[in-house]
Every structure is written in C-alpha cells, then in structure tokens.
Amino acid sequence: MNSIELIKKTNKEIKELDELKSFINFAANYQKLDDVIFNVIIVDNDEIHELNKKYRNIDRPTDVISFALEDDDTFIKLPQRVLGDIYISIDMAIKQANEYGHSLLRELCFLSVHGLLHLLGYDHMDSNEEKIMFELQERILNAYGIKRD
C-alpha cells in the first residue's frame, strides 16, 4: 500500500487539490509502484526560492523541485520504499498555466508527475533522457485524461 501525502503549505485557495491527489495516486499506480512513501508539498514562491537557493545554488523561484532520497548513498533502505519529497510552487503553477493557456489542474498534474519521475531516477540532462521522460509524462497525463487544452 502506497503512502502518498499531499501537503498544502500556502494560504492560497486551491480547489484542484482533491483531483490532484487522485492524479498522483493514478500516476503511482501507472508506474506500478507498490509500498512507496512520498510527499507532494504545495508552497509559495518565497519558500521554493529558498529551497532552490539552498540546495541548488540558484537564486530564483522555480516551479518544481524533487528531493529523491534514493539518490543519497547514505540513505538507509527501509522495508517500505521511501522516495522523497516533491515541492511545487503554486505561484509558478498559476503563472505557467496562464502562459500555456491550460488549466491549473493540468499544470499541477504535469509538475507532480515530473517530480515523481525525478524521484524514480528519470532525468532530462541530455536530449535522449529528456525525450524518454517527457514522453512518459505525456502518456501518464493522457491516460488519466489530462490533455493539453
């Protein structure tokens, strides 16, 4: 049984949270994850800016940051697979949804599956990795019924 927490650490009202939680569970099942733990944490630009600055030495907000525990060689393996945390900036999600002309739900789902794939070891550091990761993101979104508007 998976243990997936969706944590809202912002005062902004987000009516899409229940549907986002359903999508995150769907994405985990799509990836055939069983008995994993991870968190999706919705924050504001100030908090994600601080995380980006502290952990990536990038002095600006970003849309999503994943902290994959399995990437850490000192991480102790547990009976249940602990993947890590995904932080999403609600401010950036709103901005990007408007820029791309699609719903906030689609943007939040995109950012959450992007973060989940990072927790699972996917990356987009070169064009081949990017193609694999981005095609998988789209397959998961489409399978759930989240299409580009």
C-alpha atoms as a PDB file:
ATOM      1  CA  MET A   1       0.000   0.000   0.000  1.00  0.00           C
ATOM      2  CA  ASN A   2       1.363   3.374  -1.003  1.00  0.00           C
ATOM      3  CA  SER A   3       1.535   6.268   1.435  1.00  0.00           C
ATOM      4  CA  ILE A   4       1.314   9.484  -0.544  1.00  0.00           C
ATOM      5  CA  GLU A   5       0.730  12.760   1.256  1.00  0.00           C
ATOM      6  CA  LEU A   6      -0.376  15.970  -0.433  1.00  0.00           C
ATOM      7  CA  ILE A   7       0.561  18.843   1.865  1.00  0.00           C
ATOM      8  CA  LYS A   8      -0.587  22.423   1.328  1.00  0.00           C
ATOM      9  CA  LYS A   9       1.807  24.951   2.888  1.00  0.00           C
ATOM     10  CA  THR A  10       0.298  28.083   1.397  1.00  0.00           C
ATOM     11  CA  ASN A  11      -2.655  30.302   2.259  1.00  0.00           C
ATOM     12  CA  LYS A  12      -3.833  30.322  -1.350  1.00  0.00           C
ATOM     13  CA  GLU A  13      -7.096  28.513  -2.016  1.00  0.00           C
ATOM     14  CA  ILE A  14      -6.506  25.591  -4.372  1.00  0.00           C
ATOM     15  CA  LYS A  15      -9.759  23.956  -5.444  1.00  0.00           C
ATOM     16  CA  GLU A  16      -7.882  21.377  -7.545  1.00  0.00           C
ATOM     17  CA  LEU A  17      -6.294  19.568  -4.562  1.00  0.00           C
ATOM     18  CA  ASP A  18      -8.696  16.604  -4.416  1.00  0.00           C
ATOM     19  CA  GLU A  19      -8.338  15.923  -8.134  1.00  0.00           C
ATOM     20  CA  LEU A  20      -4.566  16.400  -7.892  1.00  0.00           C
ATOM     21  CA  LYS A  21      -4.424  13.789  -5.110  1.00  0.00           C
ATOM     22  CA  SER A  22      -6.365  11.358  -7.322  1.00  0.00           C
ATOM     23  CA  PHE A  23      -3.978  12.008 -10.203  1.00  0.00           C
ATOM     24  CA  ILE A  24      -0.877  11.468  -8.050  1.00  0.00           C
ATOM     25  CA  ASN A  25      -2.245   8.106  -6.902  1.00  0.00           C
ATOM     26  CA  PHE A  26      -3.057   7.238 -10.520  1.00  0.00           C
ATOM     27  CA  ALA A  27       0.490   8.157 -11.620  1.00  0.00           C
ATOM     28  CA  ALA A  28       1.997   5.986  -8.880  1.00  0.00           C
ATOM     29  CA  ASN A  29      -0.198   3.068  -9.925  1.00  0.00           C
ATOM     30  CA  TYR A  30       0.614   3.681 -13.613  1.00  0.00           C
ATOM     31  CA  GLN A  31       4.279   3.295 -12.697  1.00  0.00           C
ATOM     32  CA  LYS A  32       3.376   0.085 -10.828  1.00  0.00           C
ATOM     33  CA  LEU A  33       4.634   1.497  -7.546  1.00  0.00           C
ATOM     34  CA  ASP A  34       3.673  -0.549  -4.540  1.00  0.00           C
ATOM     35  CA  ASP A  35       4.509   0.128  -0.924  1.00  0.00           C
ATOM     36  CA  VAL A  36       6.179   3.505  -1.515  1.00  0.00           C
ATOM     37  CA  ILE A  37       6.149   6.686   0.531  1.00  0.00           C
ATOM     38  CA  PHE A  38       6.480  10.194  -0.863  1.00  0.00           C
ATOM     39  CA  ASN A  39       5.107  13.674  -0.313  1.00  0.00           C
ATOM     40  CA  VAL A  40       3.905  16.384  -2.655  1.00  0.00           C
ATOM     41  CA  ILE A  41       4.160  19.750  -0.918  1.00  0.00           C
ATOM     42  CA  ILE A  42       2.497  22.857  -2.360  1.00  0.00           C
ATOM     43  CA  VAL A  43       4.361  26.022  -1.364  1.00  0.00           C
ATOM     44  CA  ASP A  44       4.605  29.645  -2.471  1.00  0.00           C
ATOM     45  CA  ASN A  45       7.367  31.303  -4.493  1.00  0.00           C
ATOM     46  CA  ASP A  46       9.211  32.518  -1.394  1.00  0.00           C
ATOM     47  CA  GLU A  47       9.599  29.013   0.033  1.00  0.00           C
ATOM     48  CA  ILE A  48      10.590  27.350  -3.238  1.00  0.00           C
ATOM     49  CA  HIS A  49      13.027  30.214  -3.893  1.00  0.00           C
ATOM     50  CA  GLU A  50      14.742  29.465  -0.586  1.00  0.00           C
ATOM     51  CA  LEU A  51      14.892  25.741  -1.361  1.00  0.00           C
ATOM     52  CA  ASN A  52      16.285  26.425  -4.832  1.00  0.00           C
ATOM     53  CA  LYS A  53      18.912  28.770  -3.409  1.00  0.00           C
ATOM     54  CA  LYS A  54      19.912  26.481  -0.520  1.00  0.00           C
ATOM     55  CA  TYR A  55      20.033  23.151  -2.342  1.00  0.00           C
ATOM     56  CA  ARG A  56      20.715  24.087  -5.969  1.00  0.00           C
ATOM     57  CA  ASN A  57      22.553  27.419  -5.596  1.00  0.00           C
ATOM     58  CA  ILE A  58      20.013  29.032  -7.931  1.00  0.00           C
ATOM     59  CA  ASP A  59      18.778  32.362  -6.588  1.00  0.00           C
ATOM     60  CA  ARG A  60      15.256  32.425  -8.021  1.00  0.00           C
ATOM     61  CA  PRO A  61      11.983  30.572  -7.635  1.00  0.00           C
ATOM     62  CA  THR A  62      11.298  27.514  -9.764  1.00  0.00           C
ATOM     63  CA  ASP A  63       8.171  25.516 -10.487  1.00  0.00           C
ATOM     64  CA  VAL A  64       9.092  22.117  -9.010  1.00  0.00           C
ATOM     65  CA  ILE A  65      11.953  20.616  -7.010  1.00  0.00           C
ATOM     66  CA  SER A  66      12.301  16.926  -6.151  1.00  0.00           C
ATOM     67  CA  PHE A  67      14.387  15.560  -3.320  1.00  0.00           C
ATOM     68  CA  ALA A  68      14.976  11.915  -4.206  1.00  0.00           C
ATOM     69  CA  LEU A  69      16.129  10.057  -1.117  1.00  0.00           C
ATOM     70  CA  GLU A  70      17.269   7.057  -3.127  1.00  0.00           C
ATOM     71  CA  ASP A  71      19.848   9.285  -4.847  1.00  0.00           C
ATOM     72  CA  ASP A  72      21.606   9.698  -1.490  1.00  0.00           C
ATOM     73  CA  ASP A  73      24.196   6.937  -0.959  1.00  0.00           C
ATOM     74  CA  THR A  74      23.887   7.337   2.826  1.00  0.00           C
ATOM     75  CA  PHE A  75      20.136   6.697   2.796  1.00  0.00           C
ATOM     76  CA  ILE A  76      19.224   3.605   4.798  1.00  0.00           C
ATOM     77  CA  LYS A  77      16.952   1.193   2.934  1.00  0.00           C
ATOM     78  CA  LEU A  78      13.705   0.503   4.760  1.00  0.00           C
ATOM     79  CA  PRO A  79      11.100  -2.211   4.228  1.00  0.00           C
ATOM     80  CA  GLN A  80       8.850   0.373   2.597  1.00  0.00           C
ATOM     81  CA  ARG A  81      10.434   2.319  -0.264  1.00  0.00           C
ATOM     82  CA  VAL A  82      10.766   5.991   0.765  1.00  0.00           C
ATOM     83  CA  LEU A  83      11.101   8.043  -2.426  1.00  0.00           C
ATOM     84  CA  GLY A  84      11.325  11.593  -1.071  1.00  0.00           C
ATOM     85  CA  ASP A  85       9.561  14.926  -1.475  1.00  0.00           C
ATOM     86  CA  ILE A  86       8.249  16.959  -4.387  1.00  0.00           C
ATOM     87  CA  TYR A  87       7.837  20.700  -3.827  1.00  0.00           C
ATOM     88  CA  ILE A  88       5.590  22.623  -6.219  1.00  0.00           C
ATOM     89  CA  SER A  89       5.247  26.396  -6.299  1.00  0.00           C
ATOM     90  CA  ILE A  90       1.568  27.290  -6.600  1.00  0.00           C
ATOM     91  CA  ASP A  91       2.595  30.769  -7.792  1.00  0.00           C
ATOM     92  CA  MET A  92       4.651  29.350 -10.663  1.00  0.00           C
ATOM     93  CA  ALA A  93       1.937  26.796 -11.472  1.00  0.00           C
ATOM     94  CA  ILE A  94      -0.667  29.557 -11.805  1.00  0.00           C
ATOM     95  CA  LYS A  95       1.685  31.676 -13.926  1.00  0.00           C
ATOM     96  CA  GLN A  96       2.611  28.786 -16.229  1.00  0.00           C
ATOM     97  CA  ALA A  97      -0.990  27.604 -16.615  1.00  0.00           C
ATOM     98  CA  ASN A  98      -1.873  31.105 -17.796  1.00  0.00           C
ATOM     99  CA  GLU A  99       1.168  31.330 -20.090  1.00  0.00           C
ATOM    100  CA  TYR A 100       0.474  27.923 -21.688  1.00  0.00           C
ATOM    101  CA  GLY A 101      -3.270  28.512 -21.860  1.00  0.00           C
ATOM    102  CA  HIS A 102      -4.326  25.421 -19.946  1.00  0.00           C
ATOM    103  CA  SER A 103      -5.950  24.708 -16.604  1.00  0.00           C
ATOM    104  CA  LEU A 104      -4.257  24.962 -13.244  1.00  0.00           C
ATOM    105  CA  LEU A 105      -5.145  21.293 -12.706  1.00  0.00           C
ATOM    106  CA  ARG A 106      -3.197  20.282 -15.819  1.00  0.00           C
ATOM    107  CA  GLU A 107      -0.180  22.309 -14.695  1.00  0.00           C
ATOM    108  CA  LEU A 108      -0.256  20.860 -11.166  1.00  0.00           C
ATOM    109  CA  CYS A 109      -0.592  17.326 -12.573  1.00  0.00           C
ATOM    110  CA  PHE A 110       2.269  17.941 -15.002  1.00  0.00           C
ATOM    111  CA  LEU A 111       4.532  19.281 -12.243  1.00  0.00           C
ATOM    112  CA  SER A 112       3.653  16.445  -9.867  1.00  0.00           C
ATOM    113  CA  VAL A 113       4.316  13.681 -12.424  1.00  0.00           C
ATOM    114  CA  HIS A 114       7.519  15.464 -13.469  1.00  0.00           C
ATOM    115  CA  GLY A 115       8.622  15.468  -9.841  1.00  0.00           C
ATOM    116  CA  LEU A 116       7.585  11.849  -9.330  1.00  0.00           C
ATOM    117  CA  LEU A 117       9.622  10.715 -12.323  1.00  0.00           C
ATOM    118  CA  HIS A 118      12.639  12.526 -10.873  1.00  0.00           C
ATOM    119  CA  LEU A 119      12.104  10.637  -7.603  1.00  0.00           C
ATOM    120  CA  LEU A 120      12.172   7.437  -9.663  1.00  0.00           C
ATOM    121  CA  GLY A 121      15.505   8.323 -11.277  1.00  0.00           C
ATOM    122  CA  TYR A 122      14.378   9.863 -14.562  1.00  0.00           C
ATOM    123  CA  ASP A 123      16.184  12.982 -15.723  1.00  0.00           C
ATOM    124  CA  HIS A 124      16.405  15.354 -18.661  1.00  0.00           C
ATOM    125  CA  MET A 125      20.081  16.278 -18.676  1.00  0.00           C
ATOM    126  CA  ASP A 126      20.523  15.244 -22.308  1.00  0.00           C
ATOM    127  CA  SER A 127      18.141  15.075 -25.258  1.00  0.00           C
ATOM    128  CA  ASN A 128      17.690  11.281 -25.112  1.00  0.00           C
ATOM    129  CA  GLU A 129      16.826  11.296 -21.381  1.00  0.00           C
ATOM    130  CA  GLU A 130      14.536  14.282 -21.938  1.00  0.00           C
ATOM    131  CA  LYS A 131      12.672  12.515 -24.747  1.00  0.00           C
ATOM    132  CA  ILE A 132      12.107   9.407 -22.612  1.00  0.00           C
ATOM    133  CA  MET A 133      10.989  11.360 -19.547  1.00  0.00           C
ATOM    134  CA  PHE A 134       8.733  13.829 -21.354  1.00  0.00           C
ATOM    135  CA  GLU A 135       7.038  11.129 -23.438  1.00  0.00           C
ATOM    136  CA  LEU A 136       6.308   9.161 -20.272  1.00  0.00           C
ATOM    137  CA  GLN A 137       4.894  12.280 -18.591  1.00  0.00           C
ATOM    138  CA  GLU A 138       2.535  12.817 -21.512  1.00  0.00           C
ATOM    139  CA  ARG A 139       1.460   9.147 -21.556  1.00  0.00           C
ATOM    140  CA  ILE A 140       0.563   9.310 -17.863  1.00  0.00           C
ATOM    141  CA  LEU A 141      -1.301  12.619 -18.227  1.00  0.00           C
ATOM    142  CA  ASN A 142      -3.188  11.351 -21.300  1.00  0.00           C
ATOM    143  CA  ALA A 143      -4.057   8.026 -19.640  1.00  0.00           C
ATOM    144  CA  TYR A 144      -5.663   9.969 -16.797  1.00  0.00           C
ATOM    145  CA  GLY A 145      -7.493  12.201 -19.258  1.00  0.00           C
ATOM    146  CA  ILE A 146      -5.445  15.352 -18.685  1.00  0.00           C
ATOM    147  CA  LYS A 147      -4.975  16.657 -22.210  1.00  0.00           C
ATOM    148  CA  ARG A 148      -3.390  19.834 -23.456  1.00  0.00           C
ATOM    149  CA  ASP A 149      -6.138  22.433 -23.874  1.00  0.00           C
END
